[in-house]
Amino acid sequence: MKNQADQRLVNGVTENVSHAWYEGETTLHPWKGETNPHYSGFQDDGKYTWVKSPRFEGHPMQIGALAQALIGYAQGHKLTYKWAGEGINRVSAISRKQVTPAMLHSTLGRIAARAIRASMLADLANKHWDLLVENIASGHTKLYVKPQFGEKELHGVGFHEVPRGTLSHWVVIKDGQIANYQAVVPTTWNAGPRDEHGSPGPYEASLLGNPVAEAQRPLEVLRTVHSFDPCLACAIQTFDPEGREVITVSEKG
């Protein structure tokens, strides 16, 4: 690892399956992670999803364009600050209400942040293109270096910020072969269910107290979940106070 910040990031990631359709109830670091499907049907107080519960140092984390934009804005990152300011001004003009960065922590904010992030990256792409051309021109054209594993056990991880958020791949290699491999992907971070302590993931937390104008047409629920740009098939079910199903709306994602 390059520094302590990297080490903290690597050590802080875990996944829990107490409410997911996998064997076990435990919280494991990805290098020790297990993905053994065990479907048990929907259980209100038990397992109810195929998605694990990722946590960082025990806390749920919302990742994606909004997190990227707000952190960059708070840090004073030049391009993020530029385009976040432009986005806030445009939303304020359309809504005829002065919008602040704090208001972006919302359905509207997540959608706006995707435009902010895309605009910032479009500007940044020019810089990266120039660096690539310069690198190739200086003779750095090698694309592959054959790895040398040896006989000891090795642990590797790669982090990257993709359009939907933080993506990480974790591998354990023994005797030159992959002994364990886990991927902790952006949608899992946001769509993860309650953990062993009952703490909800970002999707669930964002829906608490979210008003629905028509139970037969739960558009507010769809808009909020869609604002996270989910990479999975979505199904929305609404129930009345007695637990009777009102309607189910599903789609292919």
C-alpha atoms as a PDB file:
ATOM      1  CA  MET A   1       0.000   0.000   0.000  1.00  0.00           C
ATOM      2  CA  LYS A   2       1.175   3.526  -0.733  1.00  0.00           C
ATOM      3  CA  ASN A   3       0.137   5.116   2.566  1.00  0.00           C
ATOM      4  CA  GLN A   4      -1.936   4.794   5.703  1.00  0.00           C
ATOM      5  CA  ALA A   5      -5.052   6.115   3.958  1.00  0.00           C
ATOM      6  CA  ASP A   6      -4.858   3.220   1.506  1.00  0.00           C
ATOM      7  CA  GLN A   7      -4.310   0.746   4.330  1.00  0.00           C
ATOM      8  CA  ARG A   8      -7.327   2.077   6.211  1.00  0.00           C
ATOM      9  CA  LEU A   9      -9.473   1.702   3.097  1.00  0.00           C
ATOM     10  CA  VAL A  10      -8.337  -1.877   2.529  1.00  0.00           C
ATOM     11  CA  ASN A  11      -8.806  -2.890   6.161  1.00  0.00           C
ATOM     12  CA  GLY A  12     -12.158  -1.135   6.580  1.00  0.00           C
ATOM     13  CA  VAL A  13     -14.257  -2.949   3.941  1.00  0.00           C
ATOM     14  CA  THR A  14     -16.458  -5.870   5.048  1.00  0.00           C
ATOM     15  CA  GLU A  15     -19.599  -7.623   3.838  1.00  0.00           C
ATOM     16  CA  ASN A  16     -22.425  -9.094   5.901  1.00  0.00           C
ATOM     17  CA  VAL A  17     -24.977 -11.714   4.753  1.00  0.00           C
ATOM     18  CA  SER A  18     -27.379 -11.876   7.701  1.00  0.00           C
ATOM     19  CA  HIS A  19     -30.208 -10.535   5.498  1.00  0.00           C
ATOM     20  CA  ALA A  20     -29.027 -11.903   2.132  1.00  0.00           C
ATOM     21  CA  TRP A  21     -29.747 -15.253   0.503  1.00  0.00           C
ATOM     22  CA  TYR A  22     -26.322 -16.738   1.185  1.00  0.00           C
ATOM     23  CA  GLU A  23     -25.151 -19.275   3.713  1.00  0.00           C
ATOM     24  CA  GLY A  24     -24.193 -17.925   7.111  1.00  0.00           C
ATOM     25  CA  GLU A  25     -24.877 -14.811   9.156  1.00  0.00           C
ATOM     26  CA  THR A  26     -21.343 -13.503   9.450  1.00  0.00           C
ATOM     27  CA  THR A  27     -19.423 -10.353   8.578  1.00  0.00           C
ATOM     28  CA  LEU A  28     -16.273 -11.080   6.595  1.00  0.00           C
ATOM     29  CA  HIS A  29     -13.480  -9.105   4.981  1.00  0.00           C
ATOM     30  CA  PRO A  30     -13.532  -9.669   1.174  1.00  0.00           C
ATOM     31  CA  TRP A  31     -10.274 -11.657   1.275  1.00  0.00           C
ATOM     32  CA  LYS A  32     -12.117 -14.118   3.529  1.00  0.00           C
ATOM     33  CA  GLY A  33     -15.463 -13.621   1.814  1.00  0.00           C
ATOM     34  CA  GLU A  34     -17.825 -16.450   0.900  1.00  0.00           C
ATOM     35  CA  THR A  35     -20.572 -16.394  -1.733  1.00  0.00           C
ATOM     36  CA  ASN A  36     -22.596 -19.577  -1.250  1.00  0.00           C
ATOM     37  CA  PRO A  37     -26.204 -19.063  -2.444  1.00  0.00           C
ATOM     38  CA  HIS A  38     -28.965 -20.306  -0.140  1.00  0.00           C
ATOM     39  CA  TYR A  39     -32.433 -19.138  -1.139  1.00  0.00           C
ATOM     40  CA  SER A  40     -34.947 -19.264   1.698  1.00  0.00           C
ATOM     41  CA  GLY A  41     -37.743 -17.066   0.375  1.00  0.00           C
ATOM     42  CA  PHE A  42     -38.669 -13.615   1.646  1.00  0.00           C
ATOM     43  CA  GLN A  43     -38.351 -13.220   5.406  1.00  0.00           C
ATOM     44  CA  ASP A  44     -39.423  -9.880   6.843  1.00  0.00           C
ATOM     45  CA  ASP A  45     -37.050 -10.187   9.811  1.00  0.00           C
ATOM     46  CA  GLY A  46     -34.552 -12.443   8.079  1.00  0.00           C
ATOM     47  CA  LYS A  47     -33.184 -12.876   4.585  1.00  0.00           C
ATOM     48  CA  TYR A  48     -34.898 -10.971   1.795  1.00  0.00           C
ATOM     49  CA  THR A  49     -32.425 -10.159  -1.015  1.00  0.00           C
ATOM     50  CA  TRP A  50     -29.552 -11.498  -3.115  1.00  0.00           C
ATOM     51  CA  VAL A  51     -27.467  -8.418  -2.263  1.00  0.00           C
ATOM     52  CA  LYS A  52     -24.877  -8.494   0.528  1.00  0.00           C
ATOM     53  CA  SER A  53     -24.381  -5.607   2.982  1.00  0.00           C
ATOM     54  CA  PRO A  54     -21.025  -3.884   2.418  1.00  0.00           C
ATOM     55  CA  ARG A  55     -19.782  -1.692   5.248  1.00  0.00           C
ATOM     56  CA  PHE A  56     -16.785   0.564   5.818  1.00  0.00           C
ATOM     57  CA  GLU A  57     -15.547   0.391   9.389  1.00  0.00           C
ATOM     58  CA  GLY A  58     -19.001  -0.895  10.301  1.00  0.00           C
ATOM     59  CA  HIS A  59     -20.970   1.910   8.617  1.00  0.00           C
ATOM     60  CA  PRO A  60     -23.171   1.843   5.472  1.00  0.00           C
ATOM     61  CA  MET A  61     -21.858   4.124   2.748  1.00  0.00           C
ATOM     62  CA  GLN A  62     -23.630   5.812  -0.151  1.00  0.00           C
ATOM     63  CA  ILE A  63     -21.301   5.791  -3.121  1.00  0.00           C
ATOM     64  CA  GLY A  64     -21.626   7.088  -6.655  1.00  0.00           C
ATOM     65  CA  ALA A  65     -21.800  10.417  -8.462  1.00  0.00           C
ATOM     66  CA  LEU A  66     -23.313  12.310  -5.516  1.00  0.00           C
ATOM     67  CA  ALA A  67     -20.602  11.165  -3.093  1.00  0.00           C
ATOM     68  CA  GLN A  68     -17.919  11.902  -5.676  1.00  0.00           C
ATOM     69  CA  ALA A  69     -19.303  15.379  -6.416  1.00  0.00           C
ATOM     70  CA  LEU A  70     -19.860  16.408  -2.788  1.00  0.00           C
ATOM     71  CA  ILE A  71     -16.435  15.216  -1.646  1.00  0.00           C
ATOM     72  CA  GLY A  72     -14.734  16.915  -4.588  1.00  0.00           C
ATOM     73  CA  TYR A  73     -16.705  20.100  -3.904  1.00  0.00           C
ATOM     74  CA  ALA A  74     -15.799  20.066  -0.201  1.00  0.00           C
ATOM     75  CA  GLN A  75     -12.135  19.493  -1.032  1.00  0.00           C
ATOM     76  CA  GLY A  76     -12.134  22.368  -3.487  1.00  0.00           C
ATOM     77  CA  HIS A  77     -11.271  20.155  -6.478  1.00  0.00           C
ATOM     78  CA  LYS A  78     -11.125  22.713  -9.287  1.00  0.00           C
ATOM     79  CA  LEU A  79     -13.197  20.974 -11.977  1.00  0.00           C
ATOM     80  CA  THR A  80     -15.716  19.477  -9.546  1.00  0.00           C
ATOM     81  CA  TYR A  81     -16.192  22.872  -7.889  1.00  0.00           C
ATOM     82  CA  LYS A  82     -16.650  24.478 -11.300  1.00  0.00           C
ATOM     83  CA  TRP A  83     -19.307  22.056 -12.540  1.00  0.00           C
ATOM     84  CA  ALA A  84     -21.036  21.641  -9.168  1.00  0.00           C
ATOM     85  CA  GLY A  85     -21.466  25.411  -9.091  1.00  0.00           C
ATOM     86  CA  GLU A  86     -22.874  25.346 -12.621  1.00  0.00           C
ATOM     87  CA  GLY A  87     -25.241  22.506 -11.690  1.00  0.00           C
ATOM     88  CA  ILE A  88     -26.473  24.246  -8.548  1.00  0.00           C
ATOM     89  CA  ASN A  89     -27.099  27.463 -10.494  1.00  0.00           C
ATOM     90  CA  ARG A  90     -29.100  25.666 -13.180  1.00  0.00           C
ATOM     91  CA  VAL A  91     -31.222  23.716 -10.700  1.00  0.00           C
ATOM     92  CA  SER A  92     -31.834  26.942  -8.757  1.00  0.00           C
ATOM     93  CA  ALA A  93     -32.942  28.728 -11.926  1.00  0.00           C
ATOM     94  CA  ILE A  94     -35.347  25.951 -12.940  1.00  0.00           C
ATOM     95  CA  SER A  95     -36.832  25.494  -9.459  1.00  0.00           C
ATOM     96  CA  ARG A  96     -36.867  29.243  -8.765  1.00  0.00           C
ATOM     97  CA  LYS A  97     -35.384  28.476  -5.373  1.00  0.00           C
ATOM     98  CA  GLN A  98     -31.824  28.916  -4.185  1.00  0.00           C
ATOM     99  CA  VAL A  99     -30.331  25.436  -3.962  1.00  0.00           C
ATOM    100  CA  THR A 100     -27.399  24.735  -1.647  1.00  0.00           C
ATOM    101  CA  PRO A 101     -24.894  21.830  -1.700  1.00  0.00           C
ATOM    102  CA  ALA A 102     -26.685  20.347   1.358  1.00  0.00           C
ATOM    103  CA  MET A 103     -29.883  20.035  -0.701  1.00  0.00           C
ATOM    104  CA  LEU A 104     -28.124  17.765  -3.188  1.00  0.00           C
ATOM    105  CA  HIS A 105     -28.418  14.903  -0.696  1.00  0.00           C
ATOM    106  CA  SER A 106     -31.710  13.922  -2.324  1.00  0.00           C
ATOM    107  CA  THR A 107     -33.260  12.223  -5.344  1.00  0.00           C
ATOM    108  CA  LEU A 108     -32.833  15.407  -7.380  1.00  0.00           C
ATOM    109  CA  GLY A 109     -29.270  15.805  -6.095  1.00  0.00           C
ATOM    110  CA  ARG A 110     -28.202  12.326  -7.179  1.00  0.00           C
ATOM    111  CA  ILE A 111     -29.536  12.936 -10.685  1.00  0.00           C
ATOM    112  CA  ALA A 112     -27.882  16.359 -10.886  1.00  0.00           C
ATOM    113  CA  ALA A 113     -24.609  14.909  -9.577  1.00  0.00           C
ATOM    114  CA  ARG A 114     -24.455  12.482 -12.499  1.00  0.00           C
ATOM    115  CA  ALA A 115     -24.477  15.465 -14.894  1.00  0.00           C
ATOM    116  CA  ILE A 116     -21.926  17.308 -12.736  1.00  0.00           C
ATOM    117  CA  ARG A 117     -19.643  14.276 -12.653  1.00  0.00           C
ATOM    118  CA  ALA A 118     -19.956  13.664 -16.415  1.00  0.00           C
ATOM    119  CA  SER A 119     -19.108  17.295 -17.212  1.00  0.00           C
ATOM    120  CA  MET A 120     -16.095  17.240 -14.905  1.00  0.00           C
ATOM    121  CA  LEU A 121     -14.789  13.989 -16.417  1.00  0.00           C
ATOM    122  CA  ALA A 122     -15.267  15.339 -19.955  1.00  0.00           C
ATOM    123  CA  ASP A 123     -12.914  18.197 -19.069  1.00  0.00           C
ATOM    124  CA  LEU A 124     -10.506  15.839 -17.318  1.00  0.00           C
ATOM    125  CA  ALA A 125     -10.450  13.483 -20.325  1.00  0.00           C
ATOM    126  CA  ASN A 126      -8.479  16.047 -22.318  1.00  0.00           C
ATOM    127  CA  LYS A 127      -5.741  16.062 -19.678  1.00  0.00           C
ATOM    128  CA  HIS A 128      -5.602  12.254 -19.574  1.00  0.00           C
ATOM    129  CA  TRP A 129      -5.462  12.053 -23.371  1.00  0.00           C
ATOM    130  CA  ASP A 130      -2.458  14.385 -23.431  1.00  0.00           C
ATOM    131  CA  LEU A 131      -0.732  12.314 -20.728  1.00  0.00           C
ATOM    132  CA  LEU A 132      -1.380   9.099 -22.682  1.00  0.00           C
ATOM    133  CA  VAL A 133       0.037  10.542 -25.905  1.00  0.00           C
ATOM    134  CA  GLU A 134       3.074  11.853 -24.026  1.00  0.00           C
ATOM    135  CA  ASN A 135       3.621   8.482 -22.352  1.00  0.00           C
ATOM    136  CA  ILE A 136       3.490   6.557 -25.634  1.00  0.00           C
ATOM    137  CA  ALA A 137       5.733   9.089 -27.372  1.00  0.00           C
ATOM    138  CA  SER A 138       8.377   8.639 -24.654  1.00  0.00           C
ATOM    139  CA  GLY A 139       8.545   4.905 -25.402  1.00  0.00           C
ATOM    140  CA  HIS A 140       6.242   3.410 -22.760  1.00  0.00           C
ATOM    141  CA  THR A 141       4.300   1.036 -25.004  1.00  0.00           C
ATOM    142  CA  LYS A 142       4.397  -2.220 -23.043  1.00  0.00           C
ATOM    143  CA  LEU A 143       0.894  -3.474 -22.271  1.00  0.00           C
ATOM    144  CA  TYR A 144       1.527  -6.603 -20.221  1.00  0.00           C
ATOM    145  CA  VAL A 145       4.004  -7.759 -17.608  1.00  0.00           C
ATOM    146  CA  LYS A 146       3.866 -11.435 -16.750  1.00  0.00           C
ATOM    147  CA  PRO A 147       3.271 -11.817 -12.987  1.00  0.00           C
ATOM    148  CA  GLN A 148       5.569 -13.859 -10.780  1.00  0.00           C
ATOM    149  CA  PHE A 149       3.613 -15.331  -7.875  1.00  0.00           C
ATOM    150  CA  GLY A 150       6.068 -17.651  -6.135  1.00  0.00           C
ATOM    151  CA  GLU A 151       4.884 -20.143  -3.539  1.00  0.00           C
ATOM    152  CA  LYS A 152       3.688 -17.875  -0.729  1.00  0.00           C
ATOM    153  CA  GLU A 153       0.095 -16.752  -0.230  1.00  0.00           C
ATOM    154  CA  LEU A 154      -0.614 -13.360  -1.776  1.00  0.00           C
ATOM    155  CA  HIS A 155      -3.461 -10.912  -1.238  1.00  0.00           C
ATOM    156  CA  GLY A 156      -4.338  -8.370  -3.904  1.00  0.00           C
ATOM    157  CA  VAL A 157      -6.967  -5.659  -4.276  1.00  0.00           C
ATOM    158  CA  GLY A 158      -7.830  -3.059  -6.866  1.00  0.00           C
ATOM    159  CA  PHE A 159     -10.032   0.008  -6.283  1.00  0.00           C
ATOM    160  CA  HIS A 160     -11.495   2.202  -8.980  1.00  0.00           C
ATOM    161  CA  GLU A 161     -14.122   4.938  -9.177  1.00  0.00           C
ATOM    162  CA  VAL A 162     -16.522   3.965 -11.956  1.00  0.00           C
ATOM    163  CA  PRO A 163     -19.704   5.851 -13.034  1.00  0.00           C
ATOM    164  CA  ARG A 164     -21.842   4.152 -10.358  1.00  0.00           C
ATOM    165  CA  GLY A 165     -19.246   4.538  -7.609  1.00  0.00           C
ATOM    166  CA  THR A 166     -16.493   2.594  -5.874  1.00  0.00           C
ATOM    167  CA  LEU A 167     -15.617  -0.777  -7.423  1.00  0.00           C
ATOM    168  CA  SER A 168     -13.148  -3.133  -5.777  1.00  0.00           C
ATOM    169  CA  HIS A 169     -11.833  -6.573  -6.721  1.00  0.00           C
ATOM    170  CA  TRP A 170     -10.206  -8.809  -4.103  1.00  0.00           C
ATOM    171  CA  VAL A 171      -8.093 -11.893  -4.760  1.00  0.00           C
ATOM    172  CA  VAL A 172      -6.165 -14.439  -2.716  1.00  0.00           C
ATOM    173  CA  ILE A 173      -3.512 -16.446  -4.572  1.00  0.00           C
ATOM    174  CA  LYS A 174      -1.976 -19.656  -3.231  1.00  0.00           C
ATOM    175  CA  ASP A 175       0.691 -21.634  -5.076  1.00  0.00           C
ATOM    176  CA  GLY A 176       0.162 -19.551  -8.200  1.00  0.00           C
ATOM    177  CA  GLN A 177      -3.601 -20.195  -8.309  1.00  0.00           C
ATOM    178  CA  ILE A 178      -6.648 -18.155  -7.312  1.00  0.00           C
ATOM    179  CA  ALA A 179      -7.878 -19.457  -3.961  1.00  0.00           C
ATOM    180  CA  ASN A 180     -10.571 -16.822  -3.378  1.00  0.00           C
ATOM    181  CA  TYR A 181     -12.019 -13.994  -5.425  1.00  0.00           C
ATOM    182  CA  GLN A 182     -14.631 -11.430  -4.430  1.00  0.00           C
ATOM    183  CA  ALA A 183     -15.945  -8.280  -6.078  1.00  0.00           C
ATOM    184  CA  VAL A 184     -17.586  -5.506  -4.049  1.00  0.00           C
ATOM    185  CA  VAL A 185     -19.455  -3.481  -6.647  1.00  0.00           C
ATOM    186  CA  PRO A 186     -21.174  -0.057  -6.548  1.00  0.00           C
ATOM    187  CA  THR A 187     -24.771  -1.284  -6.639  1.00  0.00           C
ATOM    188  CA  THR A 188     -24.038  -3.658  -3.753  1.00  0.00           C
ATOM    189  CA  TRP A 189     -22.897  -0.721  -1.610  1.00  0.00           C
ATOM    190  CA  ASN A 190     -26.086   1.236  -2.312  1.00  0.00           C
ATOM    191  CA  ALA A 191     -28.625  -1.601  -2.571  1.00  0.00           C
ATOM    192  CA  GLY A 192     -27.349  -3.618   0.378  1.00  0.00           C
ATOM    193  CA  PRO A 193     -30.010  -4.633   2.940  1.00  0.00           C
ATOM    194  CA  ARG A 194     -29.932  -4.246   6.713  1.00  0.00           C
ATOM    195  CA  ASP A 195     -26.799  -5.573   8.379  1.00  0.00           C
ATOM    196  CA  GLU A 196     -26.500  -7.636  11.557  1.00  0.00           C
ATOM    197  CA  HIS A 197     -27.185  -4.495  13.622  1.00  0.00           C
ATOM    198  CA  GLY A 198     -30.318  -3.622  11.661  1.00  0.00           C
ATOM    199  CA  SER A 199     -28.728  -0.609   9.941  1.00  0.00           C
ATOM    200  CA  PRO A 200     -30.267  -0.094   6.474  1.00  0.00           C
ATOM    201  CA  GLY A 201     -28.320   0.453   3.291  1.00  0.00           C
ATOM    202  CA  PRO A 202     -28.653   3.666   1.224  1.00  0.00           C
ATOM    203  CA  TYR A 203     -31.645   2.510  -0.886  1.00  0.00           C
ATOM    204  CA  GLU A 204     -33.703   1.628   2.166  1.00  0.00           C
ATOM    205  CA  ALA A 205     -32.610   4.704   4.128  1.00  0.00           C
ATOM    206  CA  SER A 206     -33.531   7.004   1.217  1.00  0.00           C
ATOM    207  CA  LEU A 207     -37.101   5.638   1.148  1.00  0.00           C
ATOM    208  CA  LEU A 208     -37.847   6.155   4.847  1.00  0.00           C
ATOM    209  CA  GLY A 209     -40.413   8.916   5.145  1.00  0.00           C
ATOM    210  CA  ASN A 210     -40.565   9.342   1.367  1.00  0.00           C
ATOM    211  CA  PRO A 211     -44.198  10.301   0.576  1.00  0.00           C
ATOM    212  CA  VAL A 212     -46.089   8.344  -2.094  1.00  0.00           C
ATOM    213  CA  ALA A 213     -48.953  10.236  -3.719  1.00  0.00           C
ATOM    214  CA  GLU A 214     -50.660   7.148  -5.187  1.00  0.00           C
ATOM    215  CA  ALA A 215     -50.079   3.650  -3.810  1.00  0.00           C
ATOM    216  CA  GLN A 216     -51.206   2.207  -7.154  1.00  0.00           C
ATOM    217  CA  ARG A 217     -48.527   4.248  -8.924  1.00  0.00           C
ATOM    218  CA  PRO A 218     -45.499   4.432  -6.593  1.00  0.00           C
ATOM    219  CA  LEU A 219     -43.555   6.718  -8.920  1.00  0.00           C
ATOM    220  CA  GLU A 220     -41.751   8.451  -6.057  1.00  0.00           C
ATOM    221  CA  VAL A 221     -40.222   5.131  -4.990  1.00  0.00           C
ATOM    222  CA  LEU A 222     -39.113   4.361  -8.537  1.00  0.00           C
ATOM    223  CA  ARG A 223     -37.617   7.828  -9.023  1.00  0.00           C
ATOM    224  CA  THR A 224     -35.657   7.625  -5.784  1.00  0.00           C
ATOM    225  CA  VAL A 225     -34.229   4.164  -6.445  1.00  0.00           C
ATOM    226  CA  HIS A 226     -33.523   5.050 -10.080  1.00  0.00           C
ATOM    227  CA  SER A 227     -31.550   8.103  -8.942  1.00  0.00           C
ATOM    228  CA  PHE A 228     -28.855   5.698  -7.684  1.00  0.00           C
ATOM    229  CA  ASP A 229     -28.520   4.302 -11.248  1.00  0.00           C
ATOM    230  CA  PRO A 230     -29.012   0.679 -10.079  1.00  0.00           C
ATOM    231  CA  CYS A 231     -27.366  -2.158 -11.970  1.00  0.00           C
ATOM    232  CA  LEU A 232     -29.972  -4.840 -11.234  1.00  0.00           C
ATOM    233  CA  ALA A 233     -33.554  -5.772 -11.966  1.00  0.00           C
ATOM    234  CA  CYS A 234     -35.950  -3.612  -9.925  1.00  0.00           C
ATOM    235  CA  ALA A 235     -39.285  -4.544  -8.391  1.00  0.00           C
ATOM    236  CA  ILE A 236     -41.390  -2.212  -6.266  1.00  0.00           C
ATOM    237  CA  GLN A 237     -44.099  -3.609  -3.998  1.00  0.00           C
ATOM    238  CA  THR A 238     -46.448  -1.483  -1.902  1.00  0.00           C
ATOM    239  CA  PHE A 239     -48.464  -2.770   1.049  1.00  0.00           C
ATOM    240  CA  ASP A 240     -51.261  -1.294   3.135  1.00  0.00           C
ATOM    241  CA  PRO A 241     -50.910  -0.890   6.940  1.00  0.00           C
ATOM    242  CA  GLU A 242     -52.308  -4.417   7.459  1.00  0.00           C
ATOM    243  CA  GLY A 243     -49.599  -5.919   5.253  1.00  0.00           C
ATOM    244  CA  ARG A 244     -51.827  -6.647   2.243  1.00  0.00           C
ATOM    245  CA  GLU A 245     -50.123  -6.134  -1.108  1.00  0.00           C
ATOM    246  CA  VAL A 246     -51.475  -3.156  -3.033  1.00  0.00           C
ATOM    247  CA  ILE A 247     -49.464  -3.423  -6.246  1.00  0.00           C
ATOM    248  CA  THR A 248     -46.209  -4.778  -7.687  1.00  0.00           C
ATOM    249  CA  VAL A 249     -44.264  -2.899 -10.361  1.00  0.00           C
ATOM    250  CA  SER A 250     -41.296  -4.669 -11.915  1.00  0.00           C
ATOM    251  CA  GLU A 251     -38.873  -4.018 -14.732  1.00  0.00           C
ATOM    252  CA  LYS A 252     -35.829  -5.522 -16.343  1.00  0.00           C
ATOM    253  CA  GLY A 253     -32.630  -3.604 -15.434  1.00  0.00           C
END
